[in-house]
Amino acid sequence: MKRLHLHIRVYDIESNIKFYSSLFALAPVARGPDCAQWILDTPQMTFTISERGSTMGLEHLGFQVDSAEELEAVRQRFASVDTDSMGEPPSVHADSTRDTHLLMDPQGILWAATRTSSRN
């Protein structure tokens, strides 16, 4: 696995961008109208905030990987989890730039394994 991914839902995107940019001493590497993302080296983490959704707090945890092989290794780990203890089995999401495998833990926290690529 390349790095941990943490996604938090926030109330006010602008004040949170200012807060986390100061905290990390780094500007976001990606920015949308309702989200921002930082790629941190220490600790190795992708940190995302967004105003999406109605409940503030943890959106999801996950792993960001660089290759299809790494993504497949995490997908296999997800598939090996005892899904009898969970409400939903693993699922897959794909769009033009991301391949993502999803898994819900017993507490209802979403875990995602994502490989981001540029597809032309």
Protein backbone atom coordinates (compact mmCIF):
# COMPACT_ATOMS: atom_id res chain seq x y z
CA MET A 1 0.00 0.00 0.00
CA LYS A 2 1.26 3.40 -0.92
CA ARG A 3 -0.37 5.71 1.60
CA LEU A 4 -3.31 6.02 3.97
CA HIS A 5 -6.29 8.05 2.75
CA LEU A 6 -8.48 9.98 5.19
CA HIS A 7 -11.59 11.89 4.03
CA ILE A 8 -13.48 14.23 6.37
CA ARG A 9 -16.77 16.04 5.72
CA VAL A 10 -16.65 19.66 6.85
CA TYR A 11 -19.13 22.53 7.33
CA ASP A 12 -17.22 25.37 5.66
CA ILE A 13 -14.75 24.44 2.93
CA GLU A 14 -12.92 27.79 2.88
CA SER A 15 -12.20 27.99 6.62
CA ASN A 16 -11.15 24.33 6.64
CA ILE A 17 -8.80 24.81 3.67
CA LYS A 18 -7.18 27.68 5.56
CA PHE A 19 -6.97 25.60 8.76
CA TYR A 20 -5.51 22.46 7.17
CA SER A 21 -3.14 24.40 4.89
CA SER A 22 -1.73 26.05 8.02
CA LEU A 23 -1.65 22.78 9.93
CA PHE A 24 0.19 20.94 7.14
CA ALA A 25 2.21 24.02 6.01
CA LEU A 26 1.13 23.07 2.51
CA ALA A 27 -1.46 24.19 -0.02
CA PRO A 28 -3.91 21.60 -1.37
CA VAL A 29 -2.71 19.72 -4.46
CA ALA A 30 -6.28 19.45 -5.77
CA ARG A 31 -9.18 21.81 -5.27
CA GLY A 32 -12.84 21.76 -6.29
CA PRO A 33 -15.78 23.98 -5.35
CA ASP A 34 -16.70 21.69 -2.43
CA CYS A 35 -13.48 19.75 -1.77
CA ALA A 36 -9.70 19.93 -1.35
CA GLN A 37 -6.94 17.36 -1.11
CA TRP A 38 -3.42 17.31 0.30
CA ILE A 39 -0.73 14.69 -0.38
CA LEU A 40 1.44 14.50 2.72
CA ASP A 41 4.88 12.90 2.88
CA THR A 42 5.13 12.82 6.68
CA PRO A 43 3.05 10.95 7.56
CA GLN A 44 2.44 9.36 4.18
CA MET A 45 -1.21 10.19 3.77
CA THR A 46 -3.72 11.57 1.31
CA PHE A 47 -6.01 13.91 3.26
CA THR A 48 -9.29 15.08 1.71
CA ILE A 49 -12.03 17.38 2.96
CA SER A 50 -15.42 18.02 1.37
CA GLU A 51 -18.74 19.73 2.05
CA ARG A 52 -20.62 16.79 0.49
CA GLY A 53 -23.22 15.02 2.59
CA SER A 54 -25.17 16.11 5.62
CA THR A 55 -23.25 14.46 8.45
CA MET A 56 -19.95 16.09 9.37
CA GLY A 57 -16.94 14.05 10.40
CA LEU A 58 -15.28 10.98 8.98
CA GLU A 59 -16.32 10.27 5.38
CA HIS A 60 -14.06 7.28 4.81
CA LEU A 61 -10.62 5.77 5.34
CA GLY A 62 -8.67 4.03 2.67
CA PHE A 63 -5.50 3.17 0.85
CA GLN A 64 -4.20 5.01 -2.20
CA VAL A 65 -2.05 2.84 -4.46
CA ASP A 66 -0.04 3.48 -7.62
CA SER A 67 -0.56 0.35 -9.66
CA ALA A 68 -3.24 -2.08 -10.75
CA GLU A 69 -1.25 -4.84 -9.03
CA GLU A 70 -1.28 -3.02 -5.68
CA LEU A 71 -5.00 -2.35 -6.08
CA GLU A 72 -5.62 -6.03 -6.80
CA ALA A 73 -3.68 -7.02 -3.66
CA VAL A 74 -5.87 -4.74 -1.51
CA ARG A 75 -9.00 -5.96 -3.31
CA GLN A 76 -8.04 -9.51 -2.38
CA ARG A 77 -7.63 -8.46 1.26
CA PHE A 78 -11.07 -6.84 1.15
CA ALA A 79 -12.52 -10.00 -0.39
CA SER A 80 -10.99 -12.13 2.39
CA VAL A 81 -12.77 -10.18 5.14
CA ASP A 82 -15.55 -12.06 6.93
CA THR A 83 -18.50 -10.27 5.34
CA ASP A 84 -20.95 -12.07 7.63
CA SER A 85 -20.07 -9.43 10.24
CA MET A 86 -20.88 -6.56 7.89
CA GLY A 87 -23.97 -5.12 6.30
CA GLU A 88 -22.57 -4.96 2.76
CA PRO A 89 -20.09 -7.01 0.74
CA PRO A 90 -17.16 -5.29 -1.01
CA SER A 91 -18.09 -3.33 -4.13
CA VAL A 92 -16.29 -1.63 -7.00
CA HIS A 93 -16.55 1.92 -8.34
CA ALA A 94 -14.82 3.14 -11.50
CA ASP A 95 -14.85 6.42 -13.38
CA SER A 96 -12.56 8.03 -15.92
CA THR A 97 -9.64 8.51 -13.53
CA ARG A 98 -10.14 6.19 -10.55
CA ASP A 99 -10.57 2.52 -9.83
CA THR A 100 -11.93 2.04 -6.32
CA HIS A 101 -12.84 -1.00 -4.25
CA LEU A 102 -15.09 -0.34 -1.25
CA LEU A 103 -15.64 -2.20 2.01
CA MET A 104 -17.80 -1.33 5.04
CA ASP A 105 -16.42 -2.29 8.45
CA PRO A 106 -18.63 -3.58 11.29
CA GLN A 107 -19.02 -0.03 12.69
CA GLY A 108 -20.26 1.27 9.35
CA ILE A 109 -17.01 3.06 8.43
CA LEU A 110 -16.33 2.96 4.72
CA TRP A 111 -12.87 1.79 3.57
CA ALA A 112 -11.72 2.45 0.02
CA ALA A 113 -8.76 1.21 -2.01
CA THR A 114 -8.15 3.61 -4.88
CA ARG A 115 -5.81 3.79 -7.84
CA THR A 116 -5.87 7.12 -9.62
CA SER A 117 -4.74 7.28 -13.22
CA SER A 118 -5.09 9.50 -16.24
CA ARG A 119 -7.11 7.81 -18.95
CA ASN A 120 -7.21 9.43 -22.34
